[in-house]
């Protein structure tokens, strides 16, 4: 962060969700083996393009107008790295919804900071906002192997999901299903339900780029094979 500005490395149209205006940020508190943005998040300091919330929102709105889109997303890295980046994100949302009140916006986050500071979730109360929390494992061990982070971090995204449920904010949990057996995924779904998390679990597909395969081999991670 630089004042109220945030590092972005591109603004684009993406095919997901049927077509979506996307802003790709830089920097993450995890370094997941299968992350498609691994190299950029490993060294975000080599990028210099800071954008204020107004500037980021204008880029997104311009893409939406040119491509007749009504759906927006922030992706590429972790959009919430602390309170300053959270405030930046909230202002981007306000700018977009002020211009397009009927638009929909998806935030893709690992949920760590929202679980650490659930008191901030109230500030994400926008009618057409979805919080997609990408879970990085089904237990402490798999979480640490995937992210490279300490095992104690596993609980925070679950806390974030529970808080979103309690506050009535639209959300969806997601998991890289290719790494786990259907039986393990089923057990994890039951665990989420036991925590009061009622939204269905989305299963993400694994993009096996050469560097992803290399990173996964180095961490002794293999996709599940039936």
C-alpha atoms as a PDB file:
ATOM      1  CA  UNK A   1       0.000   0.000   0.000  1.00  0.00           C
ATOM      2  CA  UNK A   2       1.044   3.583  -0.690  1.00  0.00           C
ATOM      3  CA  UNK A   3      -1.284   6.051   1.088  1.00  0.00           C
ATOM      4  CA  UNK A   4      -4.713   4.861  -0.133  1.00  0.00           C
ATOM      5  CA  UNK A   5      -3.289   3.294  -3.323  1.00  0.00           C
ATOM      6  CA  UNK A   6      -2.831  -0.398  -4.059  1.00  0.00           C
ATOM      7  CA  UNK A   7      -0.563  -2.315  -6.413  1.00  0.00           C
ATOM      8  CA  UNK A   8      -2.340  -3.717  -9.476  1.00  0.00           C
ATOM      9  CA  UNK A   9      -0.659  -5.302 -12.438  1.00  0.00           C
ATOM     10  CA  UNK A  10      -3.540  -5.445 -14.905  1.00  0.00           C
ATOM     11  CA  UNK A  11      -7.223  -4.808 -15.555  1.00  0.00           C
ATOM     12  CA  UNK A  12      -8.959  -7.184 -17.955  1.00  0.00           C
ATOM     13  CA  UNK A  13     -12.023  -9.038 -19.102  1.00  0.00           C
ATOM     14  CA  UNK A  14     -12.089 -12.648 -17.880  1.00  0.00           C
ATOM     15  CA  UNK A  15     -14.237 -15.542 -19.096  1.00  0.00           C
ATOM     16  CA  UNK A  16     -15.288 -16.655 -15.601  1.00  0.00           C
ATOM     17  CA  UNK A  17     -18.881 -16.208 -14.407  1.00  0.00           C
ATOM     18  CA  UNK A  18     -19.916 -15.776 -18.034  1.00  0.00           C
ATOM     19  CA  UNK A  19     -17.720 -12.684 -18.511  1.00  0.00           C
ATOM     20  CA  UNK A  20     -16.425 -10.382 -15.810  1.00  0.00           C
ATOM     21  CA  UNK A  21     -14.437  -7.133 -15.508  1.00  0.00           C
ATOM     22  CA  UNK A  22     -11.412  -8.070 -13.413  1.00  0.00           C
ATOM     23  CA  UNK A  23      -8.726  -6.184 -11.515  1.00  0.00           C
ATOM     24  CA  UNK A  24      -5.643  -8.238 -10.653  1.00  0.00           C
ATOM     25  CA  UNK A  25      -3.853  -7.087  -7.509  1.00  0.00           C
ATOM     26  CA  UNK A  26      -0.401  -8.032  -6.239  1.00  0.00           C
ATOM     27  CA  UNK A  27       0.767  -9.442  -2.931  1.00  0.00           C
ATOM     28  CA  UNK A  28      -0.491 -12.232  -0.687  1.00  0.00           C
ATOM     29  CA  UNK A  29       0.010 -13.469   2.862  1.00  0.00           C
ATOM     30  CA  UNK A  30       0.136 -17.055   1.526  1.00  0.00           C
ATOM     31  CA  UNK A  31       2.295 -18.596  -1.191  1.00  0.00           C
ATOM     32  CA  UNK A  32       0.147 -21.451  -2.426  1.00  0.00           C
ATOM     33  CA  UNK A  33       1.899 -24.108  -4.495  1.00  0.00           C
ATOM     34  CA  UNK A  34      -0.823 -24.140  -7.169  1.00  0.00           C
ATOM     35  CA  UNK A  35      -1.294 -20.350  -7.427  1.00  0.00           C
ATOM     36  CA  UNK A  36      -1.285 -19.162 -11.045  1.00  0.00           C
ATOM     37  CA  UNK A  37       0.112 -15.815  -9.841  1.00  0.00           C
ATOM     38  CA  UNK A  38       2.916 -17.411  -7.806  1.00  0.00           C
ATOM     39  CA  UNK A  39       5.911 -15.567  -9.282  1.00  0.00           C
ATOM     40  CA  UNK A  40       4.295 -12.122  -9.090  1.00  0.00           C
ATOM     41  CA  UNK A  41       3.208 -12.611  -5.491  1.00  0.00           C
ATOM     42  CA  UNK A  42       6.666 -13.923  -4.615  1.00  0.00           C
ATOM     43  CA  UNK A  43       8.180 -10.590  -5.654  1.00  0.00           C
ATOM     44  CA  UNK A  44       5.465  -7.896  -5.872  1.00  0.00           C
ATOM     45  CA  UNK A  45       8.016  -5.135  -5.265  1.00  0.00           C
ATOM     46  CA  UNK A  46       9.210  -5.277  -8.869  1.00  0.00           C
ATOM     47  CA  UNK A  47       5.853  -3.865  -9.981  1.00  0.00           C
ATOM     48  CA  UNK A  48       5.277  -0.118  -9.719  1.00  0.00           C
ATOM     49  CA  UNK A  49       1.671   0.512 -10.789  1.00  0.00           C
ATOM     50  CA  UNK A  50      -0.222   1.922  -7.809  1.00  0.00           C
ATOM     51  CA  UNK A  51      -3.869   2.917  -8.254  1.00  0.00           C
ATOM     52  CA  UNK A  52      -6.145   4.853  -5.941  1.00  0.00           C
ATOM     53  CA  UNK A  53      -9.625   3.387  -5.336  1.00  0.00           C
ATOM     54  CA  UNK A  54     -11.113   5.894  -7.804  1.00  0.00           C
ATOM     55  CA  UNK A  55      -8.562   4.993 -10.468  1.00  0.00           C
ATOM     56  CA  UNK A  56      -9.061   1.241 -10.011  1.00  0.00           C
ATOM     57  CA  UNK A  57     -12.844   1.632 -10.132  1.00  0.00           C
ATOM     58  CA  UNK A  58     -12.610   3.770 -13.290  1.00  0.00           C
ATOM     59  CA  UNK A  59     -10.524   1.091 -15.004  1.00  0.00           C
ATOM     60  CA  UNK A  60     -13.075  -1.576 -14.076  1.00  0.00           C
ATOM     61  CA  UNK A  61     -16.032   0.534 -15.147  1.00  0.00           C
ATOM     62  CA  UNK A  62     -14.370   1.320 -18.475  1.00  0.00           C
ATOM     63  CA  UNK A  63     -13.861  -2.396 -19.186  1.00  0.00           C
ATOM     64  CA  UNK A  64     -17.487  -3.059 -18.256  1.00  0.00           C
ATOM     65  CA  UNK A  65     -18.788  -0.357 -20.581  1.00  0.00           C
ATOM     66  CA  UNK A  66     -16.686  -1.476 -23.545  1.00  0.00           C
ATOM     67  CA  UNK A  67     -17.712  -5.107 -23.130  1.00  0.00           C
ATOM     68  CA  UNK A  68     -21.324  -4.695 -21.942  1.00  0.00           C
ATOM     69  CA  UNK A  69     -20.587  -6.349 -18.597  1.00  0.00           C
ATOM     70  CA  UNK A  70     -22.373  -5.932 -15.297  1.00  0.00           C
ATOM     71  CA  UNK A  71     -20.160  -8.176 -13.190  1.00  0.00           C
ATOM     72  CA  UNK A  72     -16.909  -7.174 -11.457  1.00  0.00           C
ATOM     73  CA  UNK A  73     -14.135  -8.994  -9.638  1.00  0.00           C
ATOM     74  CA  UNK A  74     -10.889  -8.378  -7.774  1.00  0.00           C
ATOM     75  CA  UNK A  75      -8.526 -11.321  -8.106  1.00  0.00           C
ATOM     76  CA  UNK A  76      -4.901 -12.214  -8.877  1.00  0.00           C
ATOM     77  CA  UNK A  77      -3.665 -11.960  -5.295  1.00  0.00           C
ATOM     78  CA  UNK A  78      -5.115 -11.326  -1.854  1.00  0.00           C
ATOM     79  CA  UNK A  79      -7.313  -8.189  -1.869  1.00  0.00           C
ATOM     80  CA  UNK A  80      -7.296  -7.872   1.950  1.00  0.00           C
ATOM     81  CA  UNK A  81      -3.783  -7.782   3.412  1.00  0.00           C
ATOM     82  CA  UNK A  82      -4.516  -5.462   6.311  1.00  0.00           C
ATOM     83  CA  UNK A  83      -6.774  -2.612   7.344  1.00  0.00           C
ATOM     84  CA  UNK A  84      -5.434  -0.130   4.764  1.00  0.00           C
ATOM     85  CA  UNK A  85      -5.968  -2.520   1.862  1.00  0.00           C
ATOM     86  CA  UNK A  86      -9.399  -3.356   3.295  1.00  0.00           C
ATOM     87  CA  UNK A  87     -10.322   0.344   3.262  1.00  0.00           C
ATOM     88  CA  UNK A  88      -9.023   0.598  -0.314  1.00  0.00           C
ATOM     89  CA  UNK A  89     -11.205  -2.340  -1.337  1.00  0.00           C
ATOM     90  CA  UNK A  90     -14.298  -0.932   0.378  1.00  0.00           C
ATOM     91  CA  UNK A  91     -13.842   2.376  -1.459  1.00  0.00           C
ATOM     92  CA  UNK A  92     -13.481   0.588  -4.828  1.00  0.00           C
ATOM     93  CA  UNK A  93     -16.779  -1.138  -4.098  1.00  0.00           C
ATOM     94  CA  UNK A  94     -18.484   2.145  -3.197  1.00  0.00           C
ATOM     95  CA  UNK A  95     -17.230   3.759  -6.413  1.00  0.00           C
ATOM     96  CA  UNK A  96     -18.404   0.901  -8.641  1.00  0.00           C
ATOM     97  CA  UNK A  97     -21.828   0.588  -6.994  1.00  0.00           C
ATOM     98  CA  UNK A  98     -22.319   4.350  -7.074  1.00  0.00           C
ATOM     99  CA  UNK A  99     -21.874   4.254 -10.865  1.00  0.00           C
ATOM    100  CA  UNK A 100     -23.645   0.925 -11.423  1.00  0.00           C
ATOM    101  CA  UNK A 101     -25.991   0.230  -8.480  1.00  0.00           C
ATOM    102  CA  UNK A 102     -27.392  -2.915 -10.146  1.00  0.00           C
ATOM    103  CA  UNK A 103     -23.997  -4.454 -10.820  1.00  0.00           C
ATOM    104  CA  UNK A 104     -22.685  -7.547  -9.023  1.00  0.00           C
ATOM    105  CA  UNK A 105     -19.202  -7.759  -7.502  1.00  0.00           C
ATOM    106  CA  UNK A 106     -17.186 -10.829  -6.478  1.00  0.00           C
ATOM    107  CA  UNK A 107     -14.309 -10.591  -4.013  1.00  0.00           C
ATOM    108  CA  UNK A 108     -12.007 -13.604  -4.111  1.00  0.00           C
ATOM    109  CA  UNK A 109     -10.099 -13.836  -0.832  1.00  0.00           C
ATOM    110  CA  UNK A 110      -8.329 -16.448   1.275  1.00  0.00           C
ATOM    111  CA  UNK A 111     -10.335 -15.171   4.248  1.00  0.00           C
ATOM    112  CA  UNK A 112      -7.367 -14.912   6.597  1.00  0.00           C
ATOM    113  CA  UNK A 113      -7.685 -11.227   7.511  1.00  0.00           C
ATOM    114  CA  UNK A 114     -11.480 -11.332   7.635  1.00  0.00           C
ATOM    115  CA  UNK A 115     -11.183 -14.151  10.177  1.00  0.00           C
ATOM    116  CA  UNK A 116      -8.567 -12.230  12.109  1.00  0.00           C
ATOM    117  CA  UNK A 117     -10.740  -9.081  12.107  1.00  0.00           C
ATOM    118  CA  UNK A 118     -14.381 -10.170  11.749  1.00  0.00           C
ATOM    119  CA  UNK A 119     -15.443  -6.768  13.085  1.00  0.00           C
ATOM    120  CA  UNK A 120     -14.647  -5.348   9.634  1.00  0.00           C
ATOM    121  CA  UNK A 121     -17.102  -7.610   7.827  1.00  0.00           C
ATOM    122  CA  UNK A 122     -19.977  -5.232   8.550  1.00  0.00           C
ATOM    123  CA  UNK A 123     -18.338  -2.740   6.149  1.00  0.00           C
ATOM    124  CA  UNK A 124     -18.873  -5.204   3.294  1.00  0.00           C
ATOM    125  CA  UNK A 125     -22.646  -4.938   3.467  1.00  0.00           C
ATOM    126  CA  UNK A 126     -23.444  -4.209  -0.181  1.00  0.00           C
ATOM    127  CA  UNK A 127     -26.582  -5.656  -1.771  1.00  0.00           C
ATOM    128  CA  UNK A 128     -24.903  -7.275  -4.774  1.00  0.00           C
ATOM    129  CA  UNK A 129     -21.585  -8.297  -3.265  1.00  0.00           C
ATOM    130  CA  UNK A 130     -20.423 -11.912  -3.000  1.00  0.00           C
ATOM    131  CA  UNK A 131     -17.448 -12.905  -0.835  1.00  0.00           C
ATOM    132  CA  UNK A 132     -15.796 -16.020  -2.260  1.00  0.00           C
ATOM    133  CA  UNK A 133     -13.447 -17.501   0.337  1.00  0.00           C
ATOM    134  CA  UNK A 134     -10.915 -19.850  -1.222  1.00  0.00           C
ATOM    135  CA  UNK A 135     -10.020 -22.374   1.472  1.00  0.00           C
ATOM    136  CA  UNK A 136      -6.489 -23.724   1.330  1.00  0.00           C
ATOM    137  CA  UNK A 137      -6.897 -27.134   2.870  1.00  0.00           C
ATOM    138  CA  UNK A 138      -9.216 -29.413   4.804  1.00  0.00           C
ATOM    139  CA  UNK A 139      -7.138 -29.504   7.996  1.00  0.00           C
ATOM    140  CA  UNK A 140      -4.116 -27.829   9.561  1.00  0.00           C
ATOM    141  CA  UNK A 141      -1.608 -30.102   7.862  1.00  0.00           C
ATOM    142  CA  UNK A 142      -2.902 -29.689   4.317  1.00  0.00           C
ATOM    143  CA  UNK A 143      -3.339 -25.943   4.885  1.00  0.00           C
ATOM    144  CA  UNK A 144       0.309 -25.525   5.877  1.00  0.00           C
ATOM    145  CA  UNK A 145       1.589 -27.674   3.005  1.00  0.00           C
ATOM    146  CA  UNK A 146      -0.450 -25.770   0.413  1.00  0.00           C
ATOM    147  CA  UNK A 147       0.160 -22.230   1.690  1.00  0.00           C
ATOM    148  CA  UNK A 148       3.598 -22.438   3.288  1.00  0.00           C
ATOM    149  CA  UNK A 149       2.035 -20.711   6.323  1.00  0.00           C
ATOM    150  CA  UNK A 150       1.869 -21.863   9.950  1.00  0.00           C
ATOM    151  CA  UNK A 151      -0.817 -24.422  10.806  1.00  0.00           C
ATOM    152  CA  UNK A 152      -2.543 -22.050  13.236  1.00  0.00           C
ATOM    153  CA  UNK A 153      -3.710 -19.962  10.276  1.00  0.00           C
ATOM    154  CA  UNK A 154      -6.133 -22.688   9.178  1.00  0.00           C
ATOM    155  CA  UNK A 155      -8.866 -21.552  11.585  1.00  0.00           C
ATOM    156  CA  UNK A 156      -9.135 -17.922  10.437  1.00  0.00           C
ATOM    157  CA  UNK A 157     -10.891 -18.486   7.071  1.00  0.00           C
ATOM    158  CA  UNK A 158     -13.393 -20.729   8.869  1.00  0.00           C
ATOM    159  CA  UNK A 159     -14.037 -17.939  11.364  1.00  0.00           C
ATOM    160  CA  UNK A 160     -14.589 -15.566   8.438  1.00  0.00           C
ATOM    161  CA  UNK A 161     -17.162 -17.916   6.887  1.00  0.00           C
ATOM    162  CA  UNK A 162     -19.030 -18.270  10.181  1.00  0.00           C
ATOM    163  CA  UNK A 163     -19.068 -14.491  10.622  1.00  0.00           C
ATOM    164  CA  UNK A 164     -20.380 -13.925   7.093  1.00  0.00           C
ATOM    165  CA  UNK A 165     -23.156 -16.447   7.762  1.00  0.00           C
ATOM    166  CA  UNK A 166     -24.060 -14.806  11.055  1.00  0.00           C
ATOM    167  CA  UNK A 167     -24.167 -11.328   9.523  1.00  0.00           C
ATOM    168  CA  UNK A 168     -26.234 -12.386   6.518  1.00  0.00           C
ATOM    169  CA  UNK A 169     -23.662 -11.341   3.913  1.00  0.00           C
ATOM    170  CA  UNK A 170     -23.591 -13.374   0.702  1.00  0.00           C
ATOM    171  CA  UNK A 171     -20.612 -15.712   0.524  1.00  0.00           C
ATOM    172  CA  UNK A 172     -19.411 -18.956  -0.953  1.00  0.00           C
ATOM    173  CA  UNK A 173     -16.612 -21.274   0.256  1.00  0.00           C
ATOM    174  CA  UNK A 174     -14.351 -22.855  -2.356  1.00  0.00           C
ATOM    175  CA  UNK A 175     -11.717 -25.598  -2.224  1.00  0.00           C
ATOM    176  CA  UNK A 176      -9.157 -27.005  -4.668  1.00  0.00           C
ATOM    177  CA  UNK A 177     -10.980 -30.302  -4.967  1.00  0.00           C
ATOM    178  CA  UNK A 178      -8.372 -31.977  -7.186  1.00  0.00           C
ATOM    179  CA  UNK A 179      -6.041 -32.386  -4.194  1.00  0.00           C
ATOM    180  CA  UNK A 180      -8.414 -34.416  -2.045  1.00  0.00           C
ATOM    181  CA  UNK A 181     -10.445 -37.591  -2.320  1.00  0.00           C
ATOM    182  CA  UNK A 182     -14.241 -37.325  -2.617  1.00  0.00           C
ATOM    183  CA  UNK A 183     -14.458 -38.924   0.822  1.00  0.00           C
ATOM    184  CA  UNK A 184     -12.209 -36.265   2.388  1.00  0.00           C
ATOM    185  CA  UNK A 185     -14.134 -33.499   0.632  1.00  0.00           C
ATOM    186  CA  UNK A 186     -17.396 -34.948   1.957  1.00  0.00           C
ATOM    187  CA  UNK A 187     -16.057 -35.020   5.498  1.00  0.00           C
ATOM    188  CA  UNK A 188     -14.893 -31.440   5.166  1.00  0.00           C
ATOM    189  CA  UNK A 189     -18.320 -30.374   3.937  1.00  0.00           C
ATOM    190  CA  UNK A 190     -19.834 -31.936   7.046  1.00  0.00           C
ATOM    191  CA  UNK A 191     -17.322 -30.048   9.179  1.00  0.00           C
ATOM    192  CA  UNK A 192     -18.354 -26.768   7.557  1.00  0.00           C
ATOM    193  CA  UNK A 193     -22.013 -27.566   8.165  1.00  0.00           C
ATOM    194  CA  UNK A 194     -21.197 -28.291  11.803  1.00  0.00           C
ATOM    195  CA  UNK A 195     -19.781 -24.766  12.066  1.00  0.00           C
ATOM    196  CA  UNK A 196     -23.068 -23.363  10.803  1.00  0.00           C
ATOM    197  CA  UNK A 197     -21.711 -22.642   7.313  1.00  0.00           C
ATOM    198  CA  UNK A 198     -24.695 -23.384   5.087  1.00  0.00           C
ATOM    199  CA  UNK A 199     -23.490 -22.252   1.642  1.00  0.00           C
ATOM    200  CA  UNK A 200     -22.483 -25.140  -0.652  1.00  0.00           C
ATOM    201  CA  UNK A 201     -18.785 -25.816  -1.161  1.00  0.00           C
ATOM    202  CA  UNK A 202     -17.486 -25.009  -4.647  1.00  0.00           C
ATOM    203  CA  UNK A 203     -14.712 -27.231  -6.004  1.00  0.00           C
ATOM    204  CA  UNK A 204     -12.043 -25.418  -7.987  1.00  0.00           C
ATOM    205  CA  UNK A 205     -10.205 -27.013 -10.899  1.00  0.00           C
ATOM    206  CA  UNK A 206      -6.415 -27.268 -10.910  1.00  0.00           C
ATOM    207  CA  UNK A 207      -4.548 -25.359 -13.629  1.00  0.00           C
ATOM    208  CA  UNK A 208      -1.439 -27.506 -14.118  1.00  0.00           C
ATOM    209  CA  UNK A 209       0.990 -24.969 -15.547  1.00  0.00           C
ATOM    210  CA  UNK A 210       4.632 -26.214 -15.644  1.00  0.00           C
ATOM    211  CA  UNK A 211       5.608 -23.996 -12.690  1.00  0.00           C
ATOM    212  CA  UNK A 212       2.587 -25.271 -10.728  1.00  0.00           C
ATOM    213  CA  UNK A 213       3.691 -28.877 -11.253  1.00  0.00           C
ATOM    214  CA  UNK A 214       7.222 -27.915 -10.167  1.00  0.00           C
ATOM    215  CA  UNK A 215       6.011 -26.144  -7.013  1.00  0.00           C
ATOM    216  CA  UNK A 216       3.743 -29.047  -6.101  1.00  0.00           C
ATOM    217  CA  UNK A 217       6.516 -31.609  -6.572  1.00  0.00           C
ATOM    218  CA  UNK A 218       8.810 -29.587  -4.318  1.00  0.00           C
ATOM    219  CA  UNK A 219       6.165 -29.670  -1.563  1.00  0.00           C
ATOM    220  CA  UNK A 220       5.393 -33.341  -2.154  1.00  0.00           C
ATOM    221  CA  UNK A 221       1.849 -32.550  -3.284  1.00  0.00           C
ATOM    222  CA  UNK A 222       0.077 -34.683  -5.867  1.00  0.00           C
ATOM    223  CA  UNK A 223      -3.448 -34.388  -7.287  1.00  0.00           C
ATOM    224  CA  UNK A 224      -5.786 -37.108  -6.039  1.00  0.00           C
ATOM    225  CA  UNK A 225      -6.097 -40.045  -8.426  1.00  0.00           C
ATOM    226  CA  UNK A 226      -9.177 -42.309  -8.069  1.00  0.00           C
END
